[in-house]
Amino acid sequence: RDTNAPEGENQKPTEPVSLPTQKQVKKTVKQLDS
């Protein structure tokens, strides 16, 4: 969400962040259910 902040604001360069895929989210939820 931070990478989508409004343009023009002074932001420090950030490293690209790989968001969890939908498959990974489902896997985590499944583990929690288990």
ModelCIF file with pLDDT and N, C-alpha, C, O atoms, coordinates in Angstrom:
data_MODEL
#
_entry.id   MODEL 
#
_entity.id                         1 
_entity.type                       polymer 
_entity.pdbx_number_of_molecules   1 
#
_entity_poly.entity_id                      1 
_entity_poly.type                           'polypeptide(L)' 
_entity_poly.nstd_linkage                   no 
_entity_poly.nstd_monomer                   no 
_entity_poly.pdbx_seq_one_letter_code       RDTNAPEGENQKPTEPVSLPTQKQVKKTVKQLDS 
_entity_poly.pdbx_seq_one_letter_code_can   RDTNAPEGENQKPTEPVSLPTQKQVKKTVKQLDS 
_entity_poly.pdbx_strand_id                 A 
#
loop_
_entity_poly_seq.entity_id 
_entity_poly_seq.num 
_entity_poly_seq.mon_id 
_entity_poly_seq.hetero 
1 1  ARG n 
1 2  ASP n 
1 3  THR n 
1 4  ASN n 
1 5  ALA n 
1 6  PRO n 
1 7  GLU n 
1 8  GLY n 
1 9  GLU n 
1 10 ASN n 
1 11 GLN n 
1 12 LYS n 
1 13 PRO n 
1 14 THR n 
1 15 GLU n 
1 16 PRO n 
1 17 VAL n 
1 18 SER n 
1 19 LEU n 
1 20 PRO n 
1 21 THR n 
1 22 GLN n 
1 23 LYS n 
1 24 GLN n 
1 25 VAL n 
1 26 LYS n 
1 27 LYS n 
1 28 THR n 
1 29 VAL n 
1 30 LYS n 
1 31 GLN n 
1 32 LEU n 
1 33 ASP n 
1 34 SER n 
#
_struct_asym.id          A 
_struct_asym.entity_id   1 
#
loop_
_ma_qa_metric.id 
_ma_qa_metric.mode 
_ma_qa_metric.name 
_ma_qa_metric.software_group_id 
_ma_qa_metric.type 
1 global pLDDT . pLDDT 
2 local  pLDDT . pLDDT 
#
_ma_qa_metric_global.metric_id      1 
_ma_qa_metric_global.metric_value   54.00 
_ma_qa_metric_global.model_id       1 
_ma_qa_metric_global.ordinal_id     1 
#
loop_
_ma_qa_metric_local.label_asym_id 
_ma_qa_metric_local.label_comp_id 
_ma_qa_metric_local.label_seq_id 
_ma_qa_metric_local.metric_id 
_ma_qa_metric_local.metric_value 
_ma_qa_metric_local.model_id 
_ma_qa_metric_local.ordinal_id 
A ARG 1  2 51.00 1 1  
A ASP 2  2 49.00 1 2  
A THR 3  2 48.00 1 3  
A ASN 4  2 49.00 1 4  
A ALA 5  2 47.00 1 5  
A PRO 6  2 50.00 1 6  
A GLU 7  2 49.00 1 7  
A GLY 8  2 48.00 1 8  
A GLU 9  2 49.00 1 9  
A ASN 10 2 52.00 1 10 
A GLN 11 2 51.00 1 11 
A LYS 12 2 52.00 1 12 
A PRO 13 2 51.00 1 13 
A THR 14 2 51.00 1 14 
A GLU 15 2 52.00 1 15 
A PRO 16 2 53.00 1 16 
A VAL 17 2 50.00 1 17 
A SER 18 2 55.00 1 18 
A LEU 19 2 55.00 1 19 
A PRO 20 2 57.00 1 20 
A THR 21 2 61.00 1 21 
A GLN 22 2 62.00 1 22 
A LYS 23 2 63.00 1 23 
A GLN 24 2 64.00 1 24 
A VAL 25 2 55.00 1 25 
A LYS 26 2 60.00 1 26 
A LYS 27 2 64.00 1 27 
A THR 28 2 58.00 1 28 
A VAL 29 2 53.00 1 29 
A LYS 30 2 60.00 1 30 
A GLN 31 2 60.00 1 31 
A LEU 32 2 51.00 1 32 
A ASP 33 2 53.00 1 33 
A SER 34 2 53.00 1 34 
#
loop_
_atom_site.group_PDB 
_atom_site.id 
_atom_site.type_symbol 
_atom_site.label_atom_id 
_atom_site.label_alt_id 
_atom_site.label_comp_id 
_atom_site.label_asym_id 
_atom_site.label_entity_id 
_atom_site.label_seq_id 
_atom_site.pdbx_PDB_ins_code 
_atom_site.Cartn_x 
_atom_site.Cartn_y 
_atom_site.Cartn_z 
_atom_site.occupancy 
_atom_site.B_iso_or_equiv 
_atom_site.pdbx_formal_charge 
_atom_site.auth_seq_id 
_atom_site.auth_comp_id 
_atom_site.auth_asym_id 
_atom_site.auth_atom_id 
_atom_site.pdbx_PDB_model_num 
ATOM 1   N N  . ARG A 1 1  ? 0.818  -1.201  0.000  1.00 51.00 ? 1  ARG A N  1 
ATOM 2   C CA . ARG A 1 1  ? 0.000  0.000   0.000  1.00 51.00 ? 1  ARG A CA 1 
ATOM 3   C C  . ARG A 1 1  ? 0.865  1.270   0.000  1.00 51.00 ? 1  ARG A C  1 
ATOM 4   O O  . ARG A 1 1  ? 0.479  2.271   -0.605 1.00 51.00 ? 1  ARG A O  1 
ATOM 5   N N  . ASP A 1 2  ? 2.037  1.245   0.675  1.00 49.00 ? 2  ASP A N  1 
ATOM 6   C CA . ASP A 1 2  ? 2.917  2.412   0.733  1.00 49.00 ? 2  ASP A CA 1 
ATOM 7   C C  . ASP A 1 2  ? 3.435  2.789   -0.639 1.00 49.00 ? 2  ASP A C  1 
ATOM 8   O O  . ASP A 1 2  ? 3.651  3.971   -0.907 1.00 49.00 ? 2  ASP A O  1 
ATOM 9   N N  . THR A 1 3  ? 3.639  1.827   -1.506 1.00 48.00 ? 3  THR A N  1 
ATOM 10  C CA . THR A 1 3  ? 4.177  2.124   -2.834 1.00 48.00 ? 3  THR A CA 1 
ATOM 11  C C  . THR A 1 3  ? 3.172  2.864   -3.689 1.00 48.00 ? 3  THR A C  1 
ATOM 12  O O  . THR A 1 3  ? 3.527  3.434   -4.720 1.00 48.00 ? 3  THR A O  1 
ATOM 13  N N  . ASN A 1 4  ? 1.897  2.857   -3.261 1.00 49.00 ? 4  ASN A N  1 
ATOM 14  C CA . ASN A 1 4  ? 0.855  3.552   -4.021 1.00 49.00 ? 4  ASN A CA 1 
ATOM 15  C C  . ASN A 1 4  ? 0.527  4.936   -3.444 1.00 49.00 ? 4  ASN A C  1 
ATOM 16  O O  . ASN A 1 4  ? -0.548 5.459   -3.737 1.00 49.00 ? 4  ASN A O  1 
ATOM 17  N N  . ALA A 1 5  ? 1.394  5.547   -2.646 1.00 47.00 ? 5  ALA A N  1 
ATOM 18  C CA . ALA A 1 5  ? 1.157  6.869   -2.057 1.00 47.00 ? 5  ALA A CA 1 
ATOM 19  C C  . ALA A 1 5  ? 1.078  7.918   -3.147 1.00 47.00 ? 5  ALA A C  1 
ATOM 20  O O  . ALA A 1 5  ? 1.619  7.704   -4.231 1.00 47.00 ? 5  ALA A O  1 
ATOM 21  N N  . PRO A 1 6  ? 0.408  9.073   -2.897 1.00 50.00 ? 6  PRO A N  1 
ATOM 22  C CA . PRO A 1 6  ? 0.253  10.140  -3.917 1.00 50.00 ? 6  PRO A CA 1 
ATOM 23  C C  . PRO A 1 6  ? 1.586  10.628  -4.424 1.00 50.00 ? 6  PRO A C  1 
ATOM 24  O O  . PRO A 1 6  ? 2.566  10.693  -3.681 1.00 50.00 ? 6  PRO A O  1 
ATOM 25  N N  . GLU A 1 7  ? 1.614  10.977  -5.718 1.00 49.00 ? 7  GLU A N  1 
ATOM 26  C CA . GLU A 1 7  ? 2.844  11.449  -6.322 1.00 49.00 ? 7  GLU A CA 1 
ATOM 27  C C  . GLU A 1 7  ? 3.198  12.852  -5.797 1.00 49.00 ? 7  GLU A C  1 
ATOM 28  O O  . GLU A 1 7  ? 2.300  13.594  -5.397 1.00 49.00 ? 7  GLU A O  1 
ATOM 29  N N  . GLY A 1 8  ? 4.354  13.189  -5.791 1.00 48.00 ? 8  GLY A N  1 
ATOM 30  C CA . GLY A 1 8  ? 4.798  14.527  -5.390 1.00 48.00 ? 8  GLY A CA 1 
ATOM 31  C C  . GLY A 1 8  ? 5.330  14.545  -3.985 1.00 48.00 ? 8  GLY A C  1 
ATOM 32  O O  . GLY A 1 8  ? 6.053  15.463  -3.598 1.00 48.00 ? 8  GLY A O  1 
ATOM 33  N N  . GLU A 1 9  ? 4.980  13.542  -3.221 1.00 49.00 ? 9  GLU A N  1 
ATOM 34  C CA . GLU A 1 9  ? 5.494  13.509  -1.857 1.00 49.00 ? 9  GLU A CA 1 
ATOM 35  C C  . GLU A 1 9  ? 6.934  13.033  -1.897 1.00 49.00 ? 9  GLU A C  1 
ATOM 36  O O  . GLU A 1 9  ? 7.336  12.200  -2.709 1.00 49.00 ? 9  GLU A O  1 
ATOM 37  N N  . ASN A 1 10 ? 7.681  13.611  -0.976 1.00 52.00 ? 10 ASN A N  1 
ATOM 38  C CA . ASN A 1 10 ? 9.070  13.182  -0.880 1.00 52.00 ? 10 ASN A CA 1 
ATOM 39  C C  . ASN A 1 10 ? 9.147  11.796  -0.272 1.00 52.00 ? 10 ASN A C  1 
ATOM 40  O O  . ASN A 1 10 ? 8.805  11.571  0.889  1.00 52.00 ? 10 ASN A O  1 
ATOM 41  N N  . GLN A 1 11 ? 9.592  10.914  -1.072 1.00 51.00 ? 11 GLN A N  1 
ATOM 42  C CA . GLN A 1 11 ? 9.704  9.527   -0.601 1.00 51.00 ? 11 GLN A CA 1 
ATOM 43  C C  . GLN A 1 11 ? 11.108 9.036   -0.870 1.00 51.00 ? 11 GLN A C  1 
ATOM 44  O O  . GLN A 1 11 ? 11.735 9.357   -1.879 1.00 51.00 ? 11 GLN A O  1 
ATOM 45  N N  . LYS A 1 12 ? 11.558 8.267   0.052  1.00 52.00 ? 12 LYS A N  1 
ATOM 46  C CA . LYS A 1 12 ? 12.843 7.623   -0.142 1.00 52.00 ? 12 LYS A CA 1 
ATOM 47  C C  . LYS A 1 12 ? 12.664 6.437   -1.081 1.00 52.00 ? 12 LYS A C  1 
ATOM 48  O O  . LYS A 1 12 ? 11.651 5.739   -1.047 1.00 52.00 ? 12 LYS A O  1 
ATOM 49  N N  . PRO A 1 13 ? 13.643 6.235   -1.892 1.00 51.00 ? 13 PRO A N  1 
ATOM 50  C CA . PRO A 1 13 ? 13.544 5.079   -2.797 1.00 51.00 ? 13 PRO A CA 1 
ATOM 51  C C  . PRO A 1 13 ? 13.393 3.799   -1.984 1.00 51.00 ? 13 PRO A C  1 
ATOM 52  O O  . PRO A 1 13 ? 14.087 3.585   -0.990 1.00 51.00 ? 13 PRO A O  1 
ATOM 53  N N  . THR A 1 14 ? 12.530 3.012   -2.401 1.00 51.00 ? 14 THR A N  1 
ATOM 54  C CA . THR A 1 14 ? 12.317 1.730   -1.705 1.00 51.00 ? 14 THR A CA 1 
ATOM 55  C C  . THR A 1 14 ? 12.608 0.580   -2.648 1.00 51.00 ? 14 THR A C  1 
ATOM 56  O O  . THR A 1 14 ? 12.474 0.683   -3.867 1.00 51.00 ? 14 THR A O  1 
ATOM 57  N N  . GLU A 1 15 ? 12.995 -0.474  -2.058 1.00 52.00 ? 15 GLU A N  1 
ATOM 58  C CA . GLU A 1 15 ? 13.257 -1.674  -2.851 1.00 52.00 ? 15 GLU A CA 1 
ATOM 59  C C  . GLU A 1 15 ? 11.931 -2.255  -3.325 1.00 52.00 ? 15 GLU A C  1 
ATOM 60  O O  . GLU A 1 15 ? 10.929 -2.188  -2.612 1.00 52.00 ? 15 GLU A O  1 
ATOM 61  N N  . PRO A 1 16 ? 11.924 -2.817  -4.512 1.00 53.00 ? 16 PRO A N  1 
ATOM 62  C CA . PRO A 1 16 ? 10.674 -3.437  -4.988 1.00 53.00 ? 16 PRO A CA 1 
ATOM 63  C C  . PRO A 1 16 ? 10.207 -4.516  -4.026 1.00 53.00 ? 16 PRO A C  1 
ATOM 64  O O  . PRO A 1 16 ? 10.995 -5.327  -3.541 1.00 53.00 ? 16 PRO A O  1 
ATOM 65  N N  . VAL A 1 17 ? 8.926  -4.507  -3.765 1.00 50.00 ? 17 VAL A N  1 
ATOM 66  C CA . VAL A 1 17 ? 8.342  -5.482  -2.826 1.00 50.00 ? 17 VAL A CA 1 
ATOM 67  C C  . VAL A 1 17 ? 7.485  -6.456  -3.607 1.00 50.00 ? 17 VAL A C  1 
ATOM 68  O O  . VAL A 1 17 ? 6.614  -6.056  -4.380 1.00 50.00 ? 17 VAL A O  1 
ATOM 69  N N  . SER A 1 18 ? 7.734  -7.715  -3.401 1.00 55.00 ? 18 SER A N  1 
ATOM 70  C CA . SER A 1 18 ? 6.925  -8.741  -4.066 1.00 55.00 ? 18 SER A CA 1 
ATOM 71  C C  . SER A 1 18 ? 5.740  -9.086  -3.163 1.00 55.00 ? 18 SER A C  1 
ATOM 72  O O  . SER A 1 18 ? 5.902  -9.655  -2.084 1.00 55.00 ? 18 SER A O  1 
ATOM 73  N N  . LEU A 1 19 ? 4.560  -8.729  -3.630 1.00 55.00 ? 19 LEU A N  1 
ATOM 74  C CA . LEU A 1 19 ? 3.350  -9.021  -2.850 1.00 55.00 ? 19 LEU A CA 1 
ATOM 75  C C  . LEU A 1 19 ? 3.009  -10.498 -2.925 1.00 55.00 ? 19 LEU A C  1 
ATOM 76  O O  . LEU A 1 19 ? 3.275  -11.148 -3.936 1.00 55.00 ? 19 LEU A O  1 
ATOM 77  N N  . PRO A 1 20 ? 2.420  -11.037 -1.856 1.00 57.00 ? 20 PRO A N  1 
ATOM 78  C CA . PRO A 1 20 ? 2.027  -12.450 -1.882 1.00 57.00 ? 20 PRO A CA 1 
ATOM 79  C C  . PRO A 1 20 ? 0.948  -12.648 -2.926 1.00 57.00 ? 20 PRO A C  1 
ATOM 80  O O  . PRO A 1 20 ? 0.034  -11.835 -3.068 1.00 57.00 ? 20 PRO A O  1 
ATOM 81  N N  . THR A 1 21 ? 1.073  -13.737 -3.647 1.00 61.00 ? 21 THR A N  1 
ATOM 82  C CA . THR A 1 21 ? 0.055  -14.069 -4.647 1.00 61.00 ? 21 THR A CA 1 
ATOM 83  C C  . THR A 1 21 ? -1.190 -14.596 -3.955 1.00 61.00 ? 21 THR A C  1 
ATOM 84  O O  . THR A 1 21 ? -1.174 -14.939 -2.773 1.00 61.00 ? 21 THR A O  1 
ATOM 85  N N  . GLN A 1 22 ? -2.286 -14.652 -4.738 1.00 62.00 ? 22 GLN A N  1 
ATOM 86  C CA . GLN A 1 22 ? -3.549 -15.174 -4.191 1.00 62.00 ? 22 GLN A CA 1 
ATOM 87  C C  . GLN A 1 22 ? -3.373 -16.631 -3.755 1.00 62.00 ? 22 GLN A C  1 
ATOM 88  O O  . GLN A 1 22 ? -3.970 -17.061 -2.767 1.00 62.00 ? 22 GLN A O  1 
ATOM 89  N N  . LYS A 1 23 ? -2.574 -17.371 -4.473 1.00 63.00 ? 23 LYS A N  1 
ATOM 90  C CA . LYS A 1 23 ? -2.333 -18.779 -4.132 1.00 63.00 ? 23 LYS A CA 1 
ATOM 91  C C  . LYS A 1 23 ? -1.636 -18.896 -2.784 1.00 63.00 ? 23 LYS A C  1 
ATOM 92  O O  . LYS A 1 23 ? -1.963 -19.765 -1.976 1.00 63.00 ? 23 LYS A O  1 
ATOM 93  N N  . GLN A 1 24 ? -0.641 -17.984 -2.543 1.00 64.00 ? 24 GLN A N  1 
ATOM 94  C CA . GLN A 1 24 ? 0.074  -18.006 -1.269 1.00 64.00 ? 24 GLN A CA 1 
ATOM 95  C C  . GLN A 1 24 ? -0.844 -17.646 -0.109 1.00 64.00 ? 24 GLN A C  1 
ATOM 96  O O  . GLN A 1 24 ? -0.755 -18.230 0.971  1.00 64.00 ? 24 GLN A O  1 
ATOM 97  N N  . VAL A 1 25 ? -1.740 -16.665 -0.344 1.00 55.00 ? 25 VAL A N  1 
ATOM 98  C CA . VAL A 1 25 ? -2.679 -16.274 0.704  1.00 55.00 ? 25 VAL A CA 1 
ATOM 99  C C  . VAL A 1 25 ? -3.589 -17.443 1.066  1.00 55.00 ? 25 VAL A C  1 
ATOM 100 O O  . VAL A 1 25 ? -3.814 -17.739 2.240  1.00 55.00 ? 25 VAL A O  1 
ATOM 101 N N  . LYS A 1 26 ? -4.105 -18.100 0.029  1.00 60.00 ? 26 LYS A N  1 
ATOM 102 C CA . LYS A 1 26 ? -4.985 -19.260 0.292  1.00 60.00 ? 26 LYS A CA 1 
ATOM 103 C C  . LYS A 1 26 ? -4.241 -20.353 1.051  1.00 60.00 ? 26 LYS A C  1 
ATOM 104 O O  . LYS A 1 26 ? -4.792 -20.993 1.946  1.00 60.00 ? 26 LYS A O  1 
ATOM 105 N N  . LYS A 1 27 ? -2.984 -20.554 0.678  1.00 64.00 ? 27 LYS A N  1 
ATOM 106 C CA . LYS A 1 27 ? -2.190 -21.577 1.351  1.00 64.00 ? 27 LYS A CA 1 
ATOM 107 C C  . LYS A 1 27 ? -2.021 -21.252 2.833  1.00 64.00 ? 27 LYS A C  1 
ATOM 108 O O  . LYS A 1 27 ? -2.128 -22.137 3.682  1.00 64.00 ? 27 LYS A O  1 
ATOM 109 N N  . THR A 1 28 ? -1.754 -19.965 3.145  1.00 58.00 ? 28 THR A N  1 
ATOM 110 C CA . THR A 1 28 ? -1.585 -19.555 4.537  1.00 58.00 ? 28 THR A CA 1 
ATOM 111 C C  . THR A 1 28 ? -2.879 -19.749 5.324  1.00 58.00 ? 28 THR A C  1 
ATOM 112 O O  . THR A 1 28 ? -2.861 -20.242 6.452  1.00 58.00 ? 28 THR A O  1 
ATOM 113 N N  . VAL A 1 29 ? -4.020 -19.351 4.711  1.00 53.00 ? 29 VAL A N  1 
ATOM 114 C CA . VAL A 1 29 ? -5.308 -19.518 5.376  1.00 53.00 ? 29 VAL A CA 1 
ATOM 115 C C  . VAL A 1 29 ? -5.595 -20.987 5.628  1.00 53.00 ? 29 VAL A C  1 
ATOM 116 O O  . VAL A 1 29 ? -6.105 -21.366 6.682  1.00 53.00 ? 29 VAL A O  1 
ATOM 117 N N  . LYS A 1 30 ? -5.256 -21.812 4.636  1.00 60.00 ? 30 LYS A N  1 
ATOM 118 C CA . LYS A 1 30 ? -5.479 -23.252 4.784  1.00 60.00 ? 30 LYS A CA 1 
ATOM 119 C C  . LYS A 1 30 ? -4.654 -23.813 5.933  1.00 60.00 ? 30 LYS A C  1 
ATOM 120 O O  . LYS A 1 30 ? -5.132 -24.656 6.693  1.00 60.00 ? 30 LYS A O  1 
ATOM 121 N N  . GLN A 1 31 ? -3.402 -23.340 6.063  1.00 60.00 ? 31 GLN A N  1 
ATOM 122 C CA . GLN A 1 31 ? -2.558 -23.793 7.163  1.00 60.00 ? 31 GLN A CA 1 
ATOM 123 C C  . GLN A 1 31 ? -3.141 -23.388 8.506  1.00 60.00 ? 31 GLN A C  1 
ATOM 124 O O  . GLN A 1 31 ? -3.111 -24.149 9.474  1.00 60.00 ? 31 GLN A O  1 
ATOM 125 N N  . LEU A 1 32 ? -3.679 -22.153 8.543  1.00 51.00 ? 32 LEU A N  1 
ATOM 126 C CA . LEU A 1 32 ? -4.281 -21.679 9.783  1.00 51.00 ? 32 LEU A CA 1 
ATOM 127 C C  . LEU A 1 32 ? -5.507 -22.514 10.144 1.00 51.00 ? 32 LEU A C  1 
ATOM 128 O O  . LEU A 1 32 ? -5.710 -22.862 11.307 1.00 51.00 ? 32 LEU A O  1 
ATOM 129 N N  . ASP A 1 33 ? -6.323 -22.834 9.136  1.00 53.00 ? 33 ASP A N  1 
ATOM 130 C CA . ASP A 1 33 ? -7.487 -23.690 9.386  1.00 53.00 ? 33 ASP A CA 1 
ATOM 131 C C  . ASP A 1 33 ? -7.055 -25.047 9.892  1.00 53.00 ? 33 ASP A C  1 
ATOM 132 O O  . ASP A 1 33 ? -7.663 -25.612 10.801 1.00 53.00 ? 33 ASP A O  1 
ATOM 133 N N  . SER A 1 34 ? -5.975 -25.574 9.277  1.00 53.00 ? 34 SER A N  1 
ATOM 134 C CA . SER A 1 34 ? -5.471 -26.877 9.706  1.00 53.00 ? 34 SER A CA 1 
ATOM 135 C C  . SER A 1 34 ? -4.998 -26.825 11.141 1.00 53.00 ? 34 SER A C  1 
ATOM 136 O O  . SER A 1 34 ? -4.539 -27.834 11.677 1.00 53.00 ? 34 SER A O  1 
#
